[in-house]
Amino acid sequence: MAQVFETAMLVLFGISCYAIGLAGKLISGSITYVVVVYILDLIMVTTDLILTLRNRRLDKLRNSAAK
């Protein structure tokens, strides 16, 4: 159970850093190359999450078909 909480903490910490960091840059008007890095990273993380969810679904379908 401790690993679940630790994972949740790390995920939520990562999300809050991206959201707060990006919001801070936009609110302060400090649009620099860092904003581009934030956006690229957000795109990569989102793509990875989508692929992970897709692959889990496909694995479940394949495993149920094999039974």
PDB file of N, CA and C in Angstrom:
ATOM      1  N   MET A   1       0.831  -1.199   0.000  1.00  0.00           N
ATOM      2  CA  MET A   1       0.000   0.000   0.000  1.00  0.00           C
ATOM      3  C   MET A   1       0.871   1.257   0.000  1.00  0.00           C
ATOM      4  N   ALA A   2       2.026   1.173   0.623  1.00  0.00           N
ATOM      5  CA  ALA A   2       2.918   2.326   0.676  1.00  0.00           C
ATOM      6  C   ALA A   2       3.382   2.721  -0.724  1.00  0.00           C
ATOM      7  N   GLN A   3       3.590   1.731  -1.588  1.00  0.00           N
ATOM      8  CA  GLN A   3       4.039   2.033  -2.948  1.00  0.00           C
ATOM      9  C   GLN A   3       2.958   2.773  -3.731  1.00  0.00           C
ATOM     10  N   VAL A   4       1.700   2.462  -3.484  1.00  0.00           N
ATOM     11  CA  VAL A   4       0.608   3.150  -4.170  1.00  0.00           C
ATOM     12  C   VAL A   4       0.603   4.627  -3.781  1.00  0.00           C
ATOM     13  N   PHE A   5       0.757   4.890  -2.492  1.00  0.00           N
ATOM     14  CA  PHE A   5       0.775   6.278  -2.031  1.00  0.00           C
ATOM     15  C   PHE A   5       2.006   7.021  -2.546  1.00  0.00           C
ATOM     16  N   GLU A   6       3.124   6.348  -2.576  1.00  0.00           N
ATOM     17  CA  GLU A   6       4.344   6.982  -3.083  1.00  0.00           C
ATOM     18  C   GLU A   6       4.201   7.305  -4.569  1.00  0.00           C
ATOM     19  N   THR A   7       3.629   6.394  -5.321  1.00  0.00           N
ATOM     20  CA  THR A   7       3.403   6.635  -6.746  1.00  0.00           C
ATOM     21  C   THR A   7       2.453   7.802  -6.943  1.00  0.00           C
ATOM     22  N   ALA A   8       1.367   7.821  -6.194  1.00  0.00           N
ATOM     23  CA  ALA A   8       0.401   8.917  -6.294  1.00  0.00           C
ATOM     24  C   ALA A   8       1.055  10.250  -5.953  1.00  0.00           C
ATOM     25  N   MET A   9       1.896  10.258  -4.932  1.00  0.00           N
ATOM     26  CA  MET A   9       2.587  11.488  -4.538  1.00  0.00           C
ATOM     27  C   MET A   9       3.476  11.993  -5.666  1.00  0.00           C
ATOM     28  N   LEU A  10       4.227  11.097  -6.281  1.00  0.00           N
ATOM     29  CA  LEU A  10       5.126  11.502  -7.358  1.00  0.00           C
ATOM     30  C   LEU A  10       4.363  11.997  -8.582  1.00  0.00           C
ATOM     31  N   VAL A  11       3.288  11.325  -8.912  1.00  0.00           N
ATOM     32  CA  VAL A  11       2.484  11.747 -10.071  1.00  0.00           C
ATOM     33  C   VAL A  11       1.862  13.114  -9.819  1.00  0.00           C
ATOM     34  N   LEU A  12       1.258  13.285  -8.655  1.00  0.00           N
ATOM     35  CA  LEU A  12       0.620  14.566  -8.342  1.00  0.00           C
ATOM     36  C   LEU A  12       1.650  15.689  -8.230  1.00  0.00           C
ATOM     37  N   PHE A  13       2.820  15.396  -7.687  1.00  0.00           N
ATOM     38  CA  PHE A  13       3.881  16.391  -7.596  1.00  0.00           C
ATOM     39  C   PHE A  13       4.322  16.814  -8.991  1.00  0.00           C
ATOM     40  N   GLY A  14       4.484  15.838  -9.880  1.00  0.00           N
ATOM     41  CA  GLY A  14       4.890  16.151 -11.246  1.00  0.00           C
ATOM     42  C   GLY A  14       3.860  16.995 -11.971  1.00  0.00           C
ATOM     43  N   ILE A  15       2.588  16.636 -11.816  1.00  0.00           N
ATOM     44  CA  ILE A  15       1.522  17.399 -12.464  1.00  0.00           C
ATOM     45  C   ILE A  15       1.476  18.819 -11.921  1.00  0.00           C
ATOM     46  N   SER A  16       1.586  18.962 -10.617  1.00  0.00           N
ATOM     47  CA  SER A  16       1.510  20.305 -10.037  1.00  0.00           C
ATOM     48  C   SER A  16       2.696  21.162 -10.454  1.00  0.00           C
ATOM     49  N   CYS A  17       3.870  20.569 -10.573  1.00  0.00           N
ATOM     50  CA  CYS A  17       5.040  21.348 -11.017  1.00  0.00           C
ATOM     51  C   CYS A  17       4.832  21.875 -12.425  1.00  0.00           C
ATOM     52  N   TYR A  18       4.333  21.016 -13.334  1.00  0.00           N
ATOM     53  CA  TYR A  18       4.094  21.464 -14.707  1.00  0.00           C
ATOM     54  C   TYR A  18       3.030  22.538 -14.736  1.00  0.00           C
ATOM     55  N   ALA A  19       1.911  22.296 -14.047  1.00  0.00           N
ATOM     56  CA  ALA A  19       0.790  23.232 -14.100  1.00  0.00           C
ATOM     57  C   ALA A  19       1.157  24.575 -13.481  1.00  0.00           C
ATOM     58  N   ILE A  20       1.756  24.550 -12.307  1.00  0.00           N
ATOM     59  CA  ILE A  20       2.099  25.794 -11.615  1.00  0.00           C
ATOM     60  C   ILE A  20       3.226  26.519 -12.338  1.00  0.00           C
ATOM     61  N   GLY A  21       4.222  25.768 -12.800  1.00  0.00           N
ATOM     62  CA  GLY A  21       5.338  26.387 -13.518  1.00  0.00           C
ATOM     63  C   GLY A  21       4.882  27.052 -14.800  1.00  0.00           C
ATOM     64  N   LEU A  22       4.062  26.359 -15.569  1.00  0.00           N
ATOM     65  CA  LEU A  22       3.564  26.914 -16.823  1.00  0.00           C
ATOM     66  C   LEU A  22       2.631  28.093 -16.562  1.00  0.00           C
ATOM     67  N   ALA A  23       1.746  27.962 -15.583  1.00  0.00           N
ATOM     68  CA  ALA A  23       0.838  29.059 -15.248  1.00  0.00           C
ATOM     69  C   ALA A  23       1.617  30.284 -14.784  1.00  0.00           C
ATOM     70  N   GLY A  24       2.651  30.068 -13.995  1.00  0.00           N
ATOM     71  CA  GLY A  24       3.477  31.179 -13.528  1.00  0.00           C
ATOM     72  C   GLY A  24       4.148  31.917 -14.677  1.00  0.00           C
ATOM     73  N   LYS A  25       4.656  31.154 -15.639  1.00  0.00           N
ATOM     74  CA  LYS A  25       5.285  31.776 -16.805  1.00  0.00           C
ATOM     75  C   LYS A  25       4.272  32.585 -17.604  1.00  0.00           C
ATOM     76  N   LEU A  26       3.073  32.037 -17.800  1.00  0.00           N
ATOM     77  CA  LEU A  26       2.059  32.729 -18.589  1.00  0.00           C
ATOM     78  C   LEU A  26       1.512  33.966 -17.879  1.00  0.00           C
ATOM     79  N   ILE A  27       1.274  33.843 -16.573  1.00  0.00           N
ATOM     80  CA  ILE A  27       0.728  34.973 -15.807  1.00  0.00           C
ATOM     81  C   ILE A  27       1.728  36.113 -15.720  1.00  0.00           C
ATOM     82  N   SER A  28       3.001  35.781 -15.508  1.00  0.00           N
ATOM     83  CA  SER A  28       4.015  36.833 -15.370  1.00  0.00           C
ATOM     84  C   SER A  28       4.407  37.437 -16.708  1.00  0.00           C
ATOM     85  N   GLY A  29       3.974  36.809 -17.789  1.00  0.00           N
ATOM     86  CA  GLY A  29       4.337  37.316 -19.107  1.00  0.00           C
ATOM     87  C   GLY A  29       5.769  36.990 -19.485  1.00  0.00           C
ATOM     88  N   SER A  30       6.356  36.077 -18.752  1.00  0.00           N
ATOM     89  CA  SER A  30       7.746  35.692 -18.982  1.00  0.00           C
ATOM     90  C   SER A  30       7.794  34.518 -19.955  1.00  0.00           C
ATOM     91  N   ILE A  31       7.370  34.772 -21.185  1.00  0.00           N
ATOM     92  CA  ILE A  31       7.332  33.728 -22.205  1.00  0.00           C
ATOM     93  C   ILE A  31       8.727  33.607 -22.816  1.00  0.00           C
ATOM     94  N   THR A  32       9.414  32.538 -22.475  1.00  0.00           N
ATOM     95  CA  THR A  32      10.756  32.289 -23.001  1.00  0.00           C
ATOM     96  C   THR A  32      10.791  30.882 -23.584  1.00  0.00           C
ATOM     97  N   TYR A  33      11.963  30.427 -23.912  1.00  0.00           N
ATOM     98  CA  TYR A  33      12.111  29.074 -24.455  1.00  0.00           C
ATOM     99  C   TYR A  33      11.644  28.019 -23.458  1.00  0.00           C
ATOM    100  N   VAL A  34      11.626  28.347 -22.196  1.00  0.00           N
ATOM    101  CA  VAL A  34      11.211  27.391 -21.167  1.00  0.00           C
ATOM    102  C   VAL A  34       9.751  26.973 -21.383  1.00  0.00           C
ATOM    103  N   VAL A  35       8.920  27.893 -21.843  1.00  0.00           N
ATOM    104  CA  VAL A  35       7.511  27.572 -22.104  1.00  0.00           C
ATOM    105  C   VAL A  35       7.419  26.520 -23.207  1.00  0.00           C
ATOM    106  N   VAL A  36       8.269  26.635 -24.215  1.00  0.00           N
ATOM    107  CA  VAL A  36       8.287  25.645 -25.283  1.00  0.00           C
ATOM    108  C   VAL A  36       8.668  24.282 -24.723  1.00  0.00           C
ATOM    109  N   VAL A  37       9.618  24.249 -23.812  1.00  0.00           N
ATOM    110  CA  VAL A  37      10.033  22.990 -23.189  1.00  0.00           C
ATOM    111  C   VAL A  37       8.890  22.409 -22.362  1.00  0.00           C
ATOM    112  N   TYR A  38       8.185  23.247 -21.609  1.00  0.00           N
ATOM    113  CA  TYR A  38       7.017  22.789 -20.850  1.00  0.00           C
ATOM    114  C   TYR A  38       5.982  22.165 -21.781  1.00  0.00           C
ATOM    115  N   ILE A  39       5.689  22.835 -22.886  1.00  0.00           N
ATOM    116  CA  ILE A  39       4.667  22.344 -23.807  1.00  0.00           C
ATOM    117  C   ILE A  39       5.102  21.049 -24.479  1.00  0.00           C
ATOM    118  N   LEU A  40       6.360  20.979 -24.922  1.00  0.00           N
ATOM    119  CA  LEU A  40       6.863  19.738 -25.518  1.00  0.00           C
ATOM    120  C   LEU A  40       6.805  18.582 -24.532  1.00  0.00           C
ATOM    121  N   ASP A  41       7.184  18.849 -23.294  1.00  0.00           N
ATOM    122  CA  ASP A  41       7.150  17.812 -22.272  1.00  0.00           C
ATOM    123  C   ASP A  41       5.723  17.371 -21.997  1.00  0.00           C
ATOM    124  N   LEU A  42       4.807  18.315 -21.954  1.00  0.00           N
ATOM    125  CA  LEU A  42       3.402  17.986 -21.735  1.00  0.00           C
ATOM    126  C   LEU A  42       2.866  17.126 -22.876  1.00  0.00           C
ATOM    127  N   ILE A  43       3.244  17.436 -24.100  1.00  0.00           N
ATOM    128  CA  ILE A  43       2.822  16.644 -25.257  1.00  0.00           C
ATOM    129  C   ILE A  43       3.377  15.225 -25.165  1.00  0.00           C
ATOM    130  N   MET A  44       4.652  15.096 -24.789  1.00  0.00           N
ATOM    131  CA  MET A  44       5.272  13.765 -24.694  1.00  0.00           C
ATOM    132  C   MET A  44       4.644  12.936 -23.585  1.00  0.00           C
ATOM    133  N   VAL A  45       4.401  13.546 -22.440  1.00  0.00           N
ATOM    134  CA  VAL A  45       3.796  12.818 -21.324  1.00  0.00           C
ATOM    135  C   VAL A  45       2.374  12.391 -21.671  1.00  0.00           C
ATOM    136  N   THR A  46       1.620  13.278 -22.303  1.00  0.00           N
ATOM    137  CA  THR A  46       0.256  12.945 -22.702  1.00  0.00           C
ATOM    138  C   THR A  46       0.246  11.805 -23.714  1.00  0.00           C
ATOM    139  N   THR A  47       1.151  11.859 -24.686  1.00  0.00           N
ATOM    140  CA  THR A  47       1.256  10.788 -25.678  1.00  0.00           C
ATOM    141  C   THR A  47       1.593   9.461 -25.011  1.00  0.00           C
ATOM    142  N   ASP A  48       2.518   9.489 -24.070  1.00  0.00           N
ATOM    143  CA  ASP A  48       2.892   8.270 -23.357  1.00  0.00           C
ATOM    144  C   ASP A  48       1.721   7.713 -22.567  1.00  0.00           C
ATOM    145  N   LEU A  49       0.971   8.583 -21.926  1.00  0.00           N
ATOM    146  CA  LEU A  49      -0.192   8.139 -21.157  1.00  0.00           C
ATOM    147  C   LEU A  49      -1.247   7.515 -22.073  1.00  0.00           C
ATOM    148  N   ILE A  50      -1.513   8.139 -23.201  1.00  0.00           N
ATOM    149  CA  ILE A  50      -2.493   7.606 -24.146  1.00  0.00           C
ATOM    150  C   ILE A  50      -2.055   6.239 -24.660  1.00  0.00           C
ATOM    151  N   LEU A  51      -0.781   6.113 -25.026  1.00  0.00           N
ATOM    152  CA  LEU A  51      -0.282   4.830 -25.519  1.00  0.00           C
ATOM    153  C   LEU A  51      -0.331   3.744 -24.447  1.00  0.00           C
ATOM    154  N   THR A  52      -0.030   4.110 -23.212  1.00  0.00           N
ATOM    155  CA  THR A  52      -0.086   3.144 -22.110  1.00  0.00           C
ATOM    156  C   THR A  52      -1.512   2.633 -21.925  1.00  0.00           C
ATOM    157  N   LEU A  53      -2.472   3.540 -21.900  1.00  0.00           N
ATOM    158  CA  LEU A  53      -3.873   3.129 -21.729  1.00  0.00           C
ATOM    159  C   LEU A  53      -4.344   2.284 -22.910  1.00  0.00           C
ATOM    160  N   ARG A  54      -3.967   2.668 -24.110  1.00  0.00           N
ATOM    161  CA  ARG A  54      -4.327   1.903 -25.307  1.00  0.00           C
ATOM    162  C   ARG A  54      -3.747   0.499 -25.254  1.00  0.00           C
ATOM    163  N   ASN A  55      -2.469   0.401 -24.901  1.00  0.00           N
ATOM    164  CA  ASN A  55      -1.813  -0.906 -24.869  1.00  0.00           C
ATOM    165  C   ASN A  55      -2.377  -1.801 -23.771  1.00  0.00           C
ATOM    166  N   ARG A  56      -2.757  -1.225 -22.648  1.00  0.00           N
ATOM    167  CA  ARG A  56      -3.396  -2.033 -21.595  1.00  0.00           C
ATOM    168  C   ARG A  56      -4.703  -2.623 -22.088  1.00  0.00           C
ATOM    169  N   ARG A  57      -5.481  -1.791 -22.793  1.00  0.00           N
ATOM    170  CA  ARG A  57      -6.760  -2.266 -23.333  1.00  0.00           C
ATOM    171  C   ARG A  57      -6.526  -3.377 -24.348  1.00  0.00           C
ATOM    172  N   LEU A  58      -5.549  -3.193 -25.225  1.00  0.00           N
ATOM    173  CA  LEU A  58      -5.253  -4.222 -26.222  1.00  0.00           C
ATOM    174  C   LEU A  58      -4.750  -5.510 -25.570  1.00  0.00           C
ATOM    175  N   ASP A  59      -3.945  -5.386 -24.517  1.00  0.00           N
ATOM    176  CA  ASP A  59      -3.471  -6.568 -23.797  1.00  0.00           C
ATOM    177  C   ASP A  59      -4.626  -7.333 -23.176  1.00  0.00           C
ATOM    178  N   LYS A  60      -5.582  -6.606 -22.584  1.00  0.00           N
ATOM    179  CA  LYS A  60      -6.751  -7.265 -21.991  1.00  0.00           C
ATOM    180  C   LYS A  60      -7.573  -7.984 -23.046  1.00  0.00           C
ATOM    181  N   LEU A  61      -7.755  -7.330 -24.197  1.00  0.00           N
ATOM    182  CA  LEU A  61      -8.506  -7.973 -25.276  1.00  0.00           C
ATOM    183  C   LEU A  61      -7.786  -9.231 -25.785  1.00  0.00           C
ATOM    184  N   ARG A  62      -6.475  -9.156 -25.931  1.00  0.00           N
ATOM    185  CA  ARG A  62      -5.712 -10.300 -26.406  1.00  0.00           C
ATOM    186  C   ARG A  62      -5.741 -11.445 -25.401  1.00  0.00           C
ATOM    187  N   ASN A  63      -5.633 -11.114 -24.117  1.00  0.00           N
ATOM    188  CA  ASN A  63      -5.661 -12.141 -23.082  1.00  0.00           C
ATOM    189  C   ASN A  63      -7.038 -12.798 -22.971  1.00  0.00           C
ATOM    190  N   SER A  64      -8.086 -12.012 -23.137  1.00  0.00           N
ATOM    191  CA  SER A  64      -9.434 -12.603 -23.062  1.00  0.00           C
ATOM    192  C   SER A  64      -9.716 -13.450 -24.302  1.00  0.00           C
ATOM    193  N   ALA A  65      -9.162 -13.086 -25.442  1.00  0.00           N
ATOM    194  CA  ALA A  65      -9.354 -13.868 -26.662  1.00  0.00           C
ATOM    195  C   ALA A  65      -8.564 -15.165 -26.607  1.00  0.00           C
ATOM    196  N   ALA A  66      -7.451 -15.176 -25.879  1.00  0.00           N
ATOM    197  CA  ALA A  66      -6.609 -16.367 -25.799  1.00  0.00           C
ATOM    198  C   ALA A  66      -7.208 -17.419 -24.874  1.00  0.00           C
ATOM    199  N   LYS A  67      -8.121 -17.031 -24.021  1.00  0.00           N
ATOM    200  CA  LYS A  67      -8.700 -17.986 -23.054  1.00  0.00           C
ATOM    201  C   LYS A  67      -9.728 -18.862 -23.665  1.00  0.00           C
TER     202      LYS A  67
END
